[in-house]
C-alpha atoms as a PDB file:
ATOM      1  CA  MET A   1     118.486 120.087  65.882  1.00  0.00           C
ATOM      2  CA  THR A   2     116.057 118.290  64.203  1.00  0.00           C
ATOM      3  CA  ASN A   3     112.085 117.703  64.816  1.00  0.00           C
ATOM      4  CA  LYS A   4     112.578 114.285  66.118  1.00  0.00           C
ATOM      5  CA  GLU A   5     115.481 114.854  68.595  1.00  0.00           C
ATOM      6  CA  LEU A   6     113.723 117.599  70.174  1.00  0.00           C
ATOM      7  CA  LYS A   7     111.100 115.661  70.367  1.00  0.00           C
ATOM      8  CA  LYS A   8     113.104 113.097  72.414  1.00  0.00           C
ATOM      9  CA  LEU A   9     114.303 115.808  74.506  1.00  0.00           C
ATOM     10  CA  ALA A  10     111.275 116.818  75.687  1.00  0.00           C
ATOM     11  CA  LYS A  11     110.499 113.321  76.781  1.00  0.00           C
ATOM     12  CA  LEU A  12     113.323 112.743  78.412  1.00  0.00           C
ATOM     13  CA  ILE A  13     112.333 116.296  80.266  1.00  0.00           C
ATOM     14  CA  ALA A  14     108.905 114.777  80.834  1.00  0.00           C
ATOM     15  CA  GLU A  15     110.148 111.576  82.707  1.00  0.00           C
ATOM     16  CA  TYR A  16     112.762 113.978  84.966  1.00  0.00           C
ATOM     17  CA  VAL A  17     110.023 116.001  85.562  1.00  0.00           C
ATOM     18  CA  VAL A  18     107.419 112.913  86.758  1.00  0.00           C
ATOM     19  CA  GLN A  19     109.795 110.801  88.790  1.00  0.00           C
ATOM     20  CA  GLU A  20     110.791 114.397  90.622  1.00  0.00           C
ATOM     21  CA  ILE A  21     107.707 114.704  91.726  1.00  0.00           C
ATOM     22  CA  GLU A  22     106.970 111.191  92.343  1.00  0.00           C
ATOM     23  CA  ILE A  23     110.028 110.735  94.892  1.00  0.00           C
ATOM     24  CA  LYS A  24     108.493 113.835  96.551  1.00  0.00           C
ATOM     25  CA  HIS A  25     105.363 112.601  96.799  1.00  0.00           C
ATOM     26  CA  LEU A  26     106.751 109.360  98.063  1.00  0.00           C
ATOM     27  CA  ASP A  27     109.483 111.190 100.252  1.00  0.00           C
ATOM     28  CA  GLU A  28     106.363 113.180 101.790  1.00  0.00           C
ATOM     29  CA  ILE A  29     104.497 109.859 102.695  1.00  0.00           C
ATOM     30  CA  PHE A  30     108.139 108.149 104.032  1.00  0.00           C
ATOM     31  CA  THR A  31     108.601 111.120 106.787  1.00  0.00           C
ATOM     32  CA  ALA A  32     104.574 110.888 107.839  1.00  0.00           C
ATOM     33  CA  SER A  33     105.113 108.082 109.005  1.00  0.00           C
ATOM     34  CA  LEU A  34     108.036 107.889 111.030  1.00  0.00           C
ATOM     35  CA  ASN A  35     106.210 106.795 114.175  1.00  0.00           C
ATOM     36  CA  ASP A  36     106.559 103.413 113.536  1.00  0.00           C
ATOM     37  CA  PRO A  37     110.088 101.597 112.368  1.00  0.00           C
ATOM     38  CA  TYR A  38     108.455  99.044 110.480  1.00  0.00           C
ATOM     39  CA  GLU A  39     106.651 101.572 108.633  1.00  0.00           C
ATOM     40  CA  LEU A  40     108.922 103.453 107.697  1.00  0.00           C
ATOM     41  CA  LEU A  41     111.007 100.199 106.114  1.00  0.00           C
ATOM     42  CA  ILE A  42     107.709 100.069 104.444  1.00  0.00           C
ATOM     43  CA  ALA A  43     107.277 103.228 102.857  1.00  0.00           C
ATOM     44  CA  GLU A  44     111.165 103.013 101.776  1.00  0.00           C
ATOM     45  CA  LEU A  45     111.319  99.651 100.138  1.00  0.00           C
ATOM     46  CA  ALA A  46     108.418 101.007  98.001  1.00  0.00           C
ATOM     47  CA  ARG A  47     110.109 104.362  97.155  1.00  0.00           C
ATOM     48  CA  LEU A  48     113.151 102.409  95.696  1.00  0.00           C
ATOM     49  CA  MET A  49     110.684  99.681  94.033  1.00  0.00           C
ATOM     50  CA  THR A  50     109.050 102.479  91.329  1.00  0.00           C
ATOM     51  CA  LEU A  51     112.402 104.248  91.379  1.00  0.00           C
ATOM     52  CA  LEU A  52     113.626 100.084  90.156  1.00  0.00           C
ATOM     53  CA  VAL A  53     110.590  99.897  87.547  1.00  0.00           C
ATOM     54  CA  SER A  54     111.244 103.446  86.349  1.00  0.00           C
ATOM     55  CA  TYR A  55     114.974 102.665  86.060  1.00  0.00           C
ATOM     56  CA  GLU A  56     114.514 100.039  84.231  1.00  0.00           C
ATOM     57  CA  ASP A  57     111.651 101.253  81.912  1.00  0.00           C
ATOM     58  CA  SER A  58     114.100 103.894  80.966  1.00  0.00           C
ATOM     59  CA  GLU A  59     116.989 101.332  80.326  1.00  0.00           C
ATOM     60  CA  ARG A  60     119.029 103.052  83.178  1.00  0.00           C
ATOM     61  CA  TYR A  61     119.943  99.164  84.274  1.00  0.00           C
ATOM     62  CA  GLU A  62     123.558 100.541  86.484  1.00  0.00           C
ATOM     63  CA  LYS A  63     120.933 102.665  88.407  1.00  0.00           C
ATOM     64  CA  ALA A  64     118.876  99.538  88.789  1.00  0.00           C
ATOM     65  CA  ALA A  65     121.692  97.346  90.190  1.00  0.00           C
ATOM     66  CA  ILE A  66     122.612 100.015  92.705  1.00  0.00           C
ATOM     67  CA  ILE A  67     118.113 100.340  93.624  1.00  0.00           C
ATOM     68  CA  LYS A  68     118.044  96.836  93.448  1.00  0.00           C
ATOM     69  CA  THR A  69     120.749  96.122  96.060  1.00  0.00           C
ATOM     70  CA  LYS A  70     119.258  98.357  98.753  1.00  0.00           C
ATOM     71  CA  ILE A  71     115.886  96.544  98.229  1.00  0.00           C
ATOM     72  CA  ASP A  72     118.218  93.801  98.952  1.00  0.00           C
ATOM     73  CA  ARG A  73     119.381  95.306 101.812  1.00  0.00           C
ATOM     74  CA  LEU A  74     116.639  96.635 103.073  1.00  0.00           C
ATOM     75  CA  GLN A  75     114.027  93.621 103.010  1.00  0.00           C
ATOM     76  CA  LYS A  76     116.538  91.869 105.303  1.00  0.00           C
ATOM     77  CA  GLN A  77     115.822  94.710 108.308  1.00  0.00           C
ATOM     78  CA  ILE A  78     112.114  93.668 107.468  1.00  0.00           C
ATOM     79  CA  GLU A  79     112.616  90.053 108.245  1.00  0.00           C
ATOM     80  CA  LYS A  80     114.384  90.914 111.279  1.00  0.00           C
ATOM     81  CA  LEU A  81     111.450  92.470 112.210  1.00  0.00           C
END
């Protein structure tokens, strides 16, 4: 494996680890707001938007499309409240 390939692999691993830490942190915030359904939906919306940006930045467009669909559904739920 070349040095360039190792750097690319290290970057991918670092991005994955950061994303997992970010998700875990957002999940903690998410569970802390379980008392209010509106806050719960807003927290989930924030988490999904963060994921969407992350997937778009890393050019994972298929995953981004799935997240976008979930965001749209969640926004409709919020509008109903």
